[in-house]
Amino acid sequence: MKKILLGVLLVVVVAVLGVLGLAATKPNQYVVTRSATMKAAPQFVYAQIEDMHKFPSWSPWQKLDPAMQTKYSGAESGVGAVYEWEGNKDAGSGRMTITEAVPNEKITMKLEFLKPFASTALTALTLAPEGNGTKVEWSMSGDYDFMSKVMCVFMDMDKMIGKDFTEGLANLDRVSGEAAAASAQAAVDAAAAGADTTAAEAAPAK
């Protein structure tokens, strides 16, 4: 019995050392990037990402907790705008702060995860005109501590975050398209109202 226990212990020790050895080979930093082409022009896409109040409408993580508590502070939009969330065990909690805003071109944010574990990352959404639409690149980068490296032995950060980015970009395409369509309809309605006013003014008095 003692030999069996020693054998099991040896296997466990070897497995742990193997995991630690693999973890030591992991890079010190990570970068996750996904891109997609939106149907809407850059100004409509930018309007969705510079205003933190609009983030829940395209966030791929909102569905993790429909009852998620959110808080907005700082600037109304652009640099200094802050979005905080507190959710269930799947959504966790954290804070996003816009640190750079180049109109119709780029938004950069500091992303602070508080729960289920503390970490900090830098995220950026870069916009470029493409035909009548917009190519959007969403990236996130950060540093690995040793425990993060151990976790990455069992999971792939790019695959784990990348699928969420892909979903979020699809959501962003949808809400940006809706905003562009609403703007176009408003222009049509305004033109029609202006034409009616002009016709009424030009009509001869009875």
Protein backbone atom coordinates (compact mmCIF):
# COMPACT_ATOMS: atom_id res chain seq x y z
CA MET A 1 0.00 0.00 0.00
CA LYS A 2 2.84 2.34 0.92
CA LYS A 3 4.48 1.71 -2.46
CA ILE A 4 1.25 2.55 -4.27
CA LEU A 5 0.87 5.80 -2.34
CA LEU A 6 4.48 6.73 -3.06
CA GLY A 7 3.90 5.94 -6.72
CA VAL A 8 0.81 8.14 -6.85
CA LEU A 9 2.66 10.94 -5.04
CA LEU A 10 5.54 10.70 -7.50
CA VAL A 11 3.14 10.96 -10.45
CA VAL A 12 1.49 14.02 -8.91
CA VAL A 13 4.85 15.69 -8.25
CA VAL A 14 6.02 15.00 -11.81
CA ALA A 15 2.73 16.37 -13.21
CA VAL A 16 2.98 19.55 -11.12
CA LEU A 17 6.60 20.07 -12.10
CA GLY A 18 5.63 19.53 -15.72
CA VAL A 19 2.88 22.16 -15.52
CA LEU A 20 5.23 24.62 -13.82
CA GLY A 21 7.86 23.93 -16.44
CA LEU A 22 5.40 24.59 -19.26
CA ALA A 23 4.19 27.74 -17.51
CA ALA A 24 7.75 29.05 -17.38
CA THR A 25 7.96 28.85 -21.17
CA LYS A 26 4.90 31.06 -21.70
CA PRO A 27 5.49 34.63 -22.94
CA ASN A 28 5.43 37.54 -20.51
CA GLN A 29 2.77 39.39 -22.48
CA TYR A 30 -0.31 38.59 -24.52
CA VAL A 31 -2.08 40.29 -27.40
CA VAL A 32 -5.54 39.33 -28.70
CA THR A 33 -6.78 40.97 -31.90
CA ARG A 34 -9.86 40.56 -34.08
CA SER A 35 -11.17 42.73 -36.93
CA ALA A 36 -14.35 43.10 -38.97
CA THR A 37 -15.83 45.44 -41.55
CA MET A 38 -18.87 47.45 -40.53
CA LYS A 39 -21.52 48.57 -42.99
CA ALA A 40 -21.76 52.03 -41.38
CA ALA A 41 -19.35 54.94 -41.95
CA PRO A 42 -16.68 55.68 -39.27
CA GLN A 43 -18.60 58.49 -37.56
CA PHE A 44 -21.49 56.16 -36.72
CA VAL A 45 -19.20 53.43 -35.41
CA TYR A 46 -17.17 55.92 -33.40
CA ALA A 47 -20.32 57.31 -31.79
CA GLN A 48 -21.04 53.85 -30.34
CA ILE A 49 -17.61 53.37 -28.77
CA GLU A 50 -16.80 56.86 -27.46
CA ASP A 51 -19.95 56.89 -25.29
CA MET A 52 -19.69 54.36 -22.45
CA HIS A 53 -23.47 54.55 -21.96
CA LYS A 54 -23.81 52.71 -25.29
CA PHE A 55 -21.36 49.90 -24.43
CA PRO A 56 -24.01 47.50 -23.05
CA SER A 57 -25.82 47.57 -26.41
CA TRP A 58 -22.91 45.86 -28.16
CA SER A 59 -20.87 44.28 -25.36
CA PRO A 60 -20.41 40.51 -25.84
CA TRP A 61 -20.36 40.09 -22.05
CA GLN A 62 -23.67 41.75 -21.21
CA LYS A 63 -25.51 38.46 -21.63
CA LEU A 64 -23.42 36.83 -18.90
CA ASP A 65 -25.58 38.61 -16.35
CA PRO A 66 -28.77 40.38 -17.52
CA ALA A 67 -29.05 41.86 -14.01
CA MET A 68 -25.54 43.34 -14.16
CA GLN A 69 -25.13 46.58 -12.20
CA THR A 70 -23.41 49.39 -14.11
CA LYS A 71 -22.14 52.82 -13.11
CA TYR A 72 -20.95 55.72 -15.28
CA SER A 73 -18.70 58.52 -14.11
CA GLY A 74 -16.11 61.01 -15.33
CA ALA A 75 -16.58 62.63 -18.72
CA GLU A 76 -19.85 62.19 -20.58
CA SER A 77 -17.90 60.64 -23.48
CA GLY A 78 -14.36 60.45 -24.84
CA VAL A 79 -11.24 60.75 -22.68
CA GLY A 80 -12.05 60.38 -18.99
CA ALA A 81 -15.33 58.51 -19.44
CA VAL A 82 -15.60 55.61 -16.99
CA TYR A 83 -17.76 52.48 -17.08
CA GLU A 84 -17.90 50.17 -14.03
CA TRP A 85 -19.71 46.86 -13.74
CA GLU A 86 -20.62 44.44 -10.97
CA GLY A 87 -22.07 41.12 -12.03
CA ASN A 88 -22.42 37.47 -11.13
CA LYS A 89 -19.54 34.98 -10.94
CA ASP A 90 -19.43 34.77 -14.75
CA ALA A 91 -19.39 38.51 -15.40
CA GLY A 92 -17.20 39.46 -12.44
CA SER A 93 -16.55 43.12 -11.76
CA GLY A 94 -14.25 45.81 -13.05
CA ARG A 95 -13.77 49.21 -14.61
CA MET A 96 -13.02 50.66 -18.07
CA THR A 97 -11.63 54.16 -18.56
CA ILE A 98 -11.14 55.86 -21.93
CA THR A 99 -7.56 57.15 -22.06
CA GLU A 100 -7.33 58.20 -25.72
CA ALA A 101 -9.96 59.34 -28.21
CA VAL A 102 -9.17 60.29 -31.81
CA PRO A 103 -12.51 61.21 -33.46
CA ASN A 104 -13.63 58.63 -36.01
CA GLU A 105 -10.26 56.85 -35.77
CA LYS A 106 -9.45 55.31 -32.39
CA ILE A 107 -10.54 54.73 -28.81
CA THR A 108 -8.09 53.35 -26.23
CA MET A 109 -9.18 52.14 -22.80
CA LYS A 110 -7.58 51.00 -19.56
CA LEU A 111 -9.38 47.82 -18.51
CA GLU A 112 -9.22 46.86 -14.83
CA PHE A 113 -10.59 43.49 -13.74
CA LEU A 114 -11.40 43.34 -10.02
CA LYS A 115 -13.23 40.01 -9.72
CA PRO A 116 -12.89 37.03 -10.01
CA PHE A 117 -9.19 38.01 -10.11
CA ALA A 118 -7.37 41.31 -10.34
CA SER A 119 -5.55 42.26 -13.53
CA THR A 120 -5.09 45.21 -15.86
CA ALA A 121 -5.11 45.32 -19.65
CA LEU A 122 -5.04 47.87 -22.45
CA THR A 123 -7.76 47.69 -25.10
CA ALA A 124 -8.08 49.63 -28.34
CA LEU A 125 -10.62 49.94 -31.12
CA THR A 126 -9.10 51.31 -34.32
CA LEU A 127 -11.28 52.52 -37.20
CA ALA A 128 -10.42 53.00 -40.88
CA PRO A 129 -12.70 53.77 -43.85
CA GLU A 130 -13.26 50.80 -46.13
CA GLY A 131 -15.53 51.46 -49.12
CA ASN A 132 -18.76 52.89 -47.74
CA GLY A 133 -18.15 51.20 -44.41
CA THR A 134 -15.51 50.93 -41.67
CA LYS A 135 -12.86 48.37 -40.83
CA VAL A 136 -12.63 47.99 -37.06
CA GLU A 137 -9.77 46.29 -35.24
CA TRP A 138 -10.30 45.40 -31.58
CA SER A 139 -7.24 44.48 -29.55
CA MET A 140 -6.36 43.74 -25.93
CA SER A 141 -2.89 43.42 -24.47
CA GLY A 142 -1.48 42.84 -21.02
CA ASP A 143 1.18 41.18 -18.89
CA TYR A 144 1.19 37.62 -17.60
CA ASP A 145 2.17 37.01 -13.99
CA PHE A 146 3.29 33.48 -13.13
CA MET A 147 -0.15 32.32 -12.00
CA SER A 148 -1.61 33.56 -15.29
CA LYS A 149 1.04 31.56 -17.12
CA VAL A 150 0.00 28.47 -15.18
CA MET A 151 -3.63 29.04 -16.16
CA CYS A 152 -2.60 29.40 -19.80
CA VAL A 153 -1.20 25.87 -19.74
CA PHE A 154 -4.83 24.74 -19.64
CA MET A 155 -6.54 27.47 -21.68
CA ASP A 156 -5.72 29.62 -24.68
CA MET A 157 -6.18 33.35 -24.08
CA ASP A 158 -6.54 34.11 -27.80
CA LYS A 159 -9.31 31.56 -28.27
CA MET A 160 -11.02 32.48 -25.00
CA ILE A 161 -11.13 36.25 -25.62
CA GLY A 162 -11.08 36.14 -29.42
CA LYS A 163 -14.53 34.60 -29.75
CA ASP A 164 -15.97 37.34 -27.53
CA PHE A 165 -14.32 40.01 -29.68
CA THR A 166 -15.81 38.44 -32.81
CA GLU A 167 -19.28 38.52 -31.24
CA GLY A 168 -18.81 42.07 -29.98
CA LEU A 169 -17.77 43.31 -33.41
CA ALA A 170 -20.88 41.73 -34.93
CA ASN A 171 -22.99 43.54 -32.30
CA LEU A 172 -21.16 46.79 -33.02
CA ASP A 173 -21.89 46.38 -36.73
CA ARG A 174 -25.58 45.99 -35.93
CA VAL A 175 -25.96 49.00 -33.61
CA SER A 176 -23.82 51.22 -35.87
CA GLY A 177 -25.97 50.25 -38.85
CA GLU A 178 -29.11 51.08 -36.89
CA ALA A 179 -27.68 54.50 -35.96
CA ALA A 180 -26.75 55.21 -39.58
CA ALA A 181 -30.22 54.20 -40.78
CA ALA A 182 -31.88 56.41 -38.15
CA SER A 183 -29.70 59.36 -39.20
CA ALA A 184 -30.56 58.84 -42.86
CA GLN A 185 -34.28 58.67 -42.06
CA ALA A 186 -34.06 61.83 -39.97
CA ALA A 187 -32.43 63.62 -42.92
CA VAL A 188 -35.22 62.46 -45.24
CA ASP A 189 -37.89 63.58 -42.77
CA ALA A 190 -36.19 66.97 -42.33
CA ALA A 191 -35.95 67.45 -46.09
CA ALA A 192 -39.62 66.56 -46.51
CA ALA A 193 -40.62 68.96 -43.75
CA GLY A 194 -38.53 71.69 -45.36
CA ALA A 195 -40.12 71.06 -48.74
CA ASP A 196 -43.59 71.27 -47.21
CA THR A 197 -42.71 74.56 -45.52
CA THR A 198 -41.30 76.01 -48.74
CA ALA A 199 -44.37 74.95 -50.70
CA ALA A 200 -46.67 76.49 -48.10
CA GLU A 201 -44.78 79.76 -48.17
CA ALA A 202 -44.79 79.83 -51.97
CA ALA A 203 -48.52 79.15 -52.24
CA PRO A 204 -50.52 82.25 -53.25
CA ALA A 205 -52.67 83.78 -50.59
CA LYS A 206 -56.39 83.16 -51.02
